Protein backbone atom coordinates (compact mmCIF):
# COMPACT_ATOMS: atom_id res chain seq x y z
CA MET A 1 -0.01 -0.18 0.10
CA SER A 2 2.99 2.22 0.92
CA GLY A 3 4.27 1.54 -2.48
CA THR A 4 1.19 2.70 -4.27
CA THR A 5 1.21 5.95 -2.27
CA THR A 6 4.73 6.48 -3.01
CA ALA A 7 3.84 5.87 -6.70
CA GLN A 8 0.87 8.43 -6.65
CA ARG A 9 3.02 11.04 -4.96
CA GLY A 10 5.60 10.53 -7.65
CA TRP A 11 3.33 10.84 -10.67
CA GLN A 12 1.50 13.81 -9.00
CA LEU A 13 5.15 15.79 -8.48
CA ALA A 14 5.79 14.75 -12.09
CA ALA A 15 2.21 16.19 -13.15
CA ARG A 16 2.97 19.48 -11.31
CA SER A 17 6.33 19.75 -13.04
CA GLY A 18 4.21 19.93 -16.26
CA TYR A 19 2.41 22.83 -15.02
CA VAL A 20 6.21 24.48 -14.48
CA THR A 21 7.19 23.73 -17.93
CA SER A 22 3.79 24.83 -19.24
CA GLY A 23 4.76 28.41 -17.51
CA VAL A 24 8.12 28.44 -18.91
CA LEU A 25 6.95 27.85 -22.56
CA HIS A 26 4.21 30.55 -22.08
CA VAL A 27 6.75 33.11 -20.69
CA LEU A 28 8.71 32.26 -23.80
CA ILE A 29 5.86 32.60 -25.99
CA GLY A 30 5.35 35.81 -24.46
CA VAL A 31 9.04 37.19 -24.88
CA LEU A 32 9.05 36.06 -28.64
CA ALA A 33 5.72 37.83 -29.17
CA VAL A 34 7.12 41.10 -27.88
CA ARG A 35 10.16 40.54 -30.07
CA VAL A 36 8.15 40.09 -33.11
CA ALA A 37 5.97 43.19 -32.40
CA LEU A 38 9.11 45.14 -31.82
CA GLY A 39 10.92 43.73 -34.82
CA SER A 40 13.81 42.51 -33.03
CA GLY A 41 13.27 38.84 -33.79
CA GLY A 42 12.15 36.43 -36.58
CA GLY A 43 11.32 33.63 -34.30
CA HIS A 44 7.91 31.51 -34.11
CA ALA A 45 5.83 33.01 -31.09
CA ASP A 46 4.21 29.56 -30.29
CA GLN A 47 5.24 26.20 -28.95
CA SER A 48 7.69 25.53 -31.34
CA GLY A 49 9.42 28.66 -31.18
CA ALA A 50 9.59 28.58 -27.45
CA LEU A 51 10.97 24.86 -27.55
CA ALA A 52 13.26 25.86 -30.31
CA THR A 53 14.67 28.42 -28.12
CA ILE A 54 15.02 26.24 -25.36
CA ALA A 55 16.83 23.54 -27.68
CA ARG A 56 19.63 26.57 -28.52
CA THR A 57 20.41 26.59 -24.66
CA PRO A 58 23.84 24.64 -23.31
CA PHE A 59 21.23 22.38 -21.42
CA GLY A 60 18.48 22.29 -23.60
CA ALA A 61 18.39 18.74 -24.56
CA ILE A 62 18.04 17.81 -21.08
CA VAL A 63 15.45 20.14 -20.48
CA LEU A 64 13.65 19.15 -23.50
CA TRP A 65 13.37 15.41 -22.29
CA ALA A 66 12.44 16.62 -19.16
CA SER A 67 9.73 18.41 -20.22
CA PHE A 68 8.54 15.58 -22.53
CA VAL A 69 8.24 13.60 -19.37
CA ALA A 70 6.62 16.14 -17.36
CA PHE A 71 4.05 16.50 -20.07
CA VAL A 72 3.47 13.20 -20.52
CA ALA A 73 2.85 12.83 -16.69
CA LEU A 74 0.55 15.84 -16.58
CA GLY A 75 -1.48 14.42 -19.71
CA THR A 76 -1.86 11.04 -18.70
CA TRP A 77 -2.92 12.42 -15.33
CA GLN A 78 -5.54 14.20 -16.96
CA ALA A 79 -6.75 11.26 -19.13
CA ALA A 80 -7.36 9.23 -16.12
CA VAL A 81 -9.35 12.09 -14.41
CA ALA A 82 -11.40 12.34 -17.57
CA LEU A 83 -11.90 8.46 -17.50
CA ARG A 84 -12.62 8.15 -13.81
CA LYS A 85 -16.39 8.28 -12.82
CA GLN A 86 -16.04 9.00 -8.99
CA PRO A 87 -15.44 12.46 -7.84
CA THR A 88 -11.95 13.71 -7.87
CA SER A 89 -10.54 17.32 -6.83
CA GLN A 90 -11.26 18.40 -9.94
CA GLY A 91 -15.17 17.74 -9.95
CA SER A 92 -17.31 14.77 -11.57
CA GLY A 93 -19.46 16.07 -13.69
CA THR A 94 -19.72 15.52 -17.48
CA GLY A 95 -17.99 18.86 -18.11
CA ASP A 96 -15.09 18.49 -15.76
CA ARG A 97 -14.15 15.35 -17.50
CA VAL A 98 -14.74 17.00 -20.97
CA GLN A 99 -12.54 19.37 -19.81
CA ALA A 100 -9.99 17.22 -18.41
CA ALA A 101 -9.83 15.27 -21.81
CA PHE A 102 -9.35 18.60 -23.74
CA ARG A 103 -6.29 19.09 -21.51
CA ALA A 104 -4.99 15.45 -21.48
CA VAL A 105 -4.66 15.93 -25.61
CA LEU A 106 -3.25 19.41 -25.31
CA TYR A 107 -0.65 18.21 -22.65
CA LEU A 108 0.32 14.96 -24.64
CA ALA A 109 0.70 17.07 -27.95
CA LEU A 110 3.09 19.23 -26.08
CA ALA A 111 4.88 16.05 -25.19
CA VAL A 112 5.12 14.90 -28.26
CA THR A 113 6.32 18.45 -29.66
CA SER A 114 9.09 18.52 -26.87
CA LEU A 115 10.10 14.95 -27.97
CA SER A 116 10.37 16.08 -31.55
CA PHE A 117 12.86 18.67 -30.57
CA ALA A 118 14.66 16.77 -28.10
CA LEU A 119 15.39 14.40 -30.87
CA GLY A 120 16.39 17.29 -33.45
CA SER A 121 13.12 16.92 -35.85
CA GLY A 122 11.20 19.55 -34.46
CA ARG A 123 9.54 22.03 -37.10
CA SER A 124 7.32 25.21 -36.75
CA SER A 125 3.82 24.76 -35.74
CA SER A 126 2.68 27.05 -38.25
CA LYS A 127 3.96 24.63 -41.02
CA GLN A 128 2.54 21.65 -39.09
CA THR A 129 -1.07 23.30 -38.53
CA SER A 130 -1.16 24.39 -42.35
CA ASP A 131 -0.06 20.89 -43.75
CA ALA A 132 -2.66 19.14 -41.34
CA THR A 133 -5.39 21.32 -42.24
CA GLN A 134 -4.39 20.76 -46.09
CA SER A 135 -4.78 17.16 -45.27
CA LEU A 136 -8.10 17.26 -43.48
CA MET A 137 -9.51 19.55 -46.27
CA SER A 138 -8.55 16.83 -48.79
CA ALA A 139 -10.91 14.51 -47.09
CA PRO A 140 -14.47 14.14 -47.96
CA GLY A 141 -16.45 17.00 -45.91
CA GLY A 142 -12.99 18.53 -45.37
CA ARG A 143 -13.81 22.19 -45.40
CA ILE A 144 -16.62 21.54 -43.16
CA LEU A 145 -14.28 19.69 -40.82
CA VAL A 146 -12.02 22.68 -40.80
CA GLY A 147 -14.78 25.13 -40.12
CA VAL A 148 -16.12 23.16 -37.28
CA VAL A 149 -12.45 22.81 -35.63
CA GLY A 150 -12.32 26.61 -36.29
CA VAL A 151 -15.42 27.29 -34.30
CA ALA A 152 -14.46 25.06 -31.58
CA VAL A 153 -11.12 26.68 -30.99
CA ALA A 154 -12.70 30.02 -31.13
CA VAL A 155 -15.68 28.93 -28.73
CA GLY A 156 -12.71 27.61 -26.35
CA GLY A 157 -10.84 30.76 -26.58
CA VAL A 158 -13.84 32.54 -25.47
CA VAL A 159 -14.38 30.05 -22.78
CA TYR A 160 -11.12 30.94 -21.52
CA ALA A 161 -11.39 34.73 -21.74
CA VAL A 162 -14.78 34.66 -19.54
CA LYS A 163 -13.24 32.05 -17.24
CA GLY A 164 -10.10 34.79 -16.56
CA LEU A 165 -13.02 37.77 -16.51
CA ARG A 166 -15.15 35.73 -13.97
CA ARG A 167 -12.07 34.36 -12.11
CA THR A 168 -13.54 30.69 -11.89
CA PHE A 169 -10.02 29.74 -12.58
CA LEU A 170 -9.36 30.07 -8.94
CA GLU A 171 -11.71 26.79 -8.77
CA ASP A 172 -8.90 24.78 -10.19
CA LEU A 173 -6.80 25.73 -6.86
CA HIS A 174 -6.89 24.55 -3.44
CA GLY A 175 -5.45 27.86 -2.08
CA LEU A 176 -3.31 30.86 -3.00
CA PRO A 177 0.00 32.27 -1.61
CA PRO A 178 -0.70 34.27 1.44
CA GLY A 179 -0.50 38.28 1.54
CA PRO A 180 0.26 40.21 -1.59
CA ALA A 181 1.26 37.22 -3.61
CA GLY A 182 -2.20 35.61 -3.46
CA ALA A 183 -3.39 39.11 -4.79
CA TRP A 184 -0.95 39.17 -7.55
CA SER A 185 -1.73 35.24 -8.27
CA ARG A 186 -5.15 36.65 -9.31
CA ARG A 187 -4.35 39.17 -11.48
CA LEU A 188 -1.77 37.15 -13.28
CA GLY A 189 -4.56 34.64 -13.85
CA VAL A 190 -7.22 37.31 -15.10
CA VAL A 191 -4.60 39.02 -17.45
CA GLY A 192 -2.96 35.54 -18.39
CA TYR A 193 -6.22 33.66 -19.02
CA VAL A 194 -7.98 36.51 -21.34
CA ALA A 195 -5.16 37.21 -23.37
CA LYS A 196 -4.69 33.23 -23.82
CA GLY A 197 -8.30 33.37 -24.82
CA ILE A 198 -8.28 36.20 -27.17
CA ALA A 199 -5.21 34.71 -29.05
CA LEU A 200 -7.13 31.17 -29.36
CA ALA A 201 -10.15 32.89 -30.61
CA ILE A 202 -8.26 34.67 -33.39
CA VAL A 203 -6.57 31.09 -33.92
CA GLY A 204 -10.08 29.65 -34.42
CA VAL A 205 -11.26 32.58 -36.60
CA LEU A 206 -8.30 31.70 -38.91
CA PHE A 207 -9.43 28.25 -39.30
CA VAL A 208 -12.64 29.39 -40.05
CA VAL A 209 -11.32 31.90 -42.92
CA ALA A 210 -9.22 28.84 -44.22
CA ALA A 211 -12.58 26.82 -44.73
CA ALA A 212 -14.35 29.75 -46.16
CA LYS A 213 -11.27 30.33 -48.67
CA HIS A 214 -10.35 26.67 -49.08
CA ASP A 215 -6.88 28.03 -48.27
CA PRO A 216 -4.98 25.76 -45.76
CA ASP A 217 -2.18 28.40 -45.52
CA LYS A 218 -4.45 30.55 -43.50
CA ALA A 219 -4.58 28.17 -40.91
CA THR A 220 -1.40 29.10 -39.20
CA GLY A 221 -1.86 28.48 -35.28
CA LEU A 222 -0.90 30.63 -32.60
CA ASP A 223 2.08 32.21 -34.35
CA GLY A 224 -0.17 33.14 -37.18
CA ALA A 225 -2.92 34.62 -34.87
CA LEU A 226 -0.22 36.73 -32.99
CA ARG A 227 1.12 38.11 -36.20
CA THR A 228 -2.57 38.59 -37.41
CA LEU A 229 -2.91 40.76 -34.32
CA ARG A 230 0.27 42.83 -35.07
CA ASP A 231 -0.84 43.72 -38.48
CA ALA A 232 -4.14 45.27 -36.92
CA PRO A 233 -4.49 48.93 -36.29
CA ALA A 234 -2.26 49.63 -33.35
CA GLY A 235 -1.09 45.93 -33.80
CA THR A 236 2.31 46.66 -32.38
CA TRP A 237 0.98 47.65 -29.01
CA LEU A 238 -1.97 44.90 -29.15
CA LEU A 239 0.92 42.34 -29.49
CA VAL A 240 2.72 43.83 -26.70
CA ALA A 241 0.01 43.37 -24.72
CA ALA A 242 -0.69 40.14 -25.85
CA GLY A 243 2.73 39.09 -24.97
CA ALA A 244 2.90 40.37 -21.51
CA GLY A 245 -0.40 38.58 -21.17
CA PHE A 246 1.27 35.24 -22.13
CA VAL A 247 4.02 36.15 -19.62
CA ALA A 248 1.06 36.48 -17.39
CA TYR A 249 -0.30 33.37 -17.87
CA GLY A 250 3.13 31.63 -17.67
CA LEU A 251 3.71 33.20 -14.15
CA TYR A 252 0.12 31.98 -13.03
CA SER A 253 1.12 28.44 -14.12
CA PHE A 254 3.96 28.27 -11.79
CA VAL A 255 1.38 29.08 -8.97
CA ARG A 256 -0.74 26.36 -10.41
CA ALA A 257 1.95 24.14 -10.14
CA ARG A 258 2.07 24.58 -6.30
CA TYR A 259 -1.34 25.11 -5.59
CA GLY A 260 -3.50 23.48 -8.40
CA ARG A 261 -5.89 20.77 -7.58
CA LEU A 262 -5.01 17.42 -9.20
């Protein structure tokens, strides 16, 4: 019995380290977005760009392999929550399990991406998204499927933004740091969720545009969404604000690693 408890604790620790890794990636995405906005960097402001940045550091390979393990642990933990019928700290309703399943897919996808960069075969998320969209469009009813994916992602973005504005993300925590740190954690969560929600909504709209125009190159993922934001009126400042929002979400992820419910 004690061995099982120890294994569970180890799994929890590995899963929480996934939130830490996610936080690092979001901070890097935010920094890359600001660099794109200011014209001082040509990297991709998305997960692939963040992982490529890590890969270029002296201990990049070690960090990437650790990221792979952390995301696998967090993804499988979320999958277990999604499949579990009895109540958990994350809830027991159908909606809770659907959200857990979505998070499981997200974190396992990040695990695969981390592994590809650890093995030296990583490539732009925008290119991967465009290629996947092209393959989907070539299937029967593919344009409709791409449009449905776009609507789903856009709705997910709205849900993220509302979660930030209504502060319901606090339900994912079992507490907050005491004093001013707790107040700052709430602010970081609000700003981070709203910024990420807006970015995801733009990603979804780009998928819908790709379906409507039968142009898979329009579906460019997060990097394309942020560059679209840059090209809008006052786009430079909007993209700087979005980058700051992703940094805020990354910092909030560190809080979630410590206080998040599993």
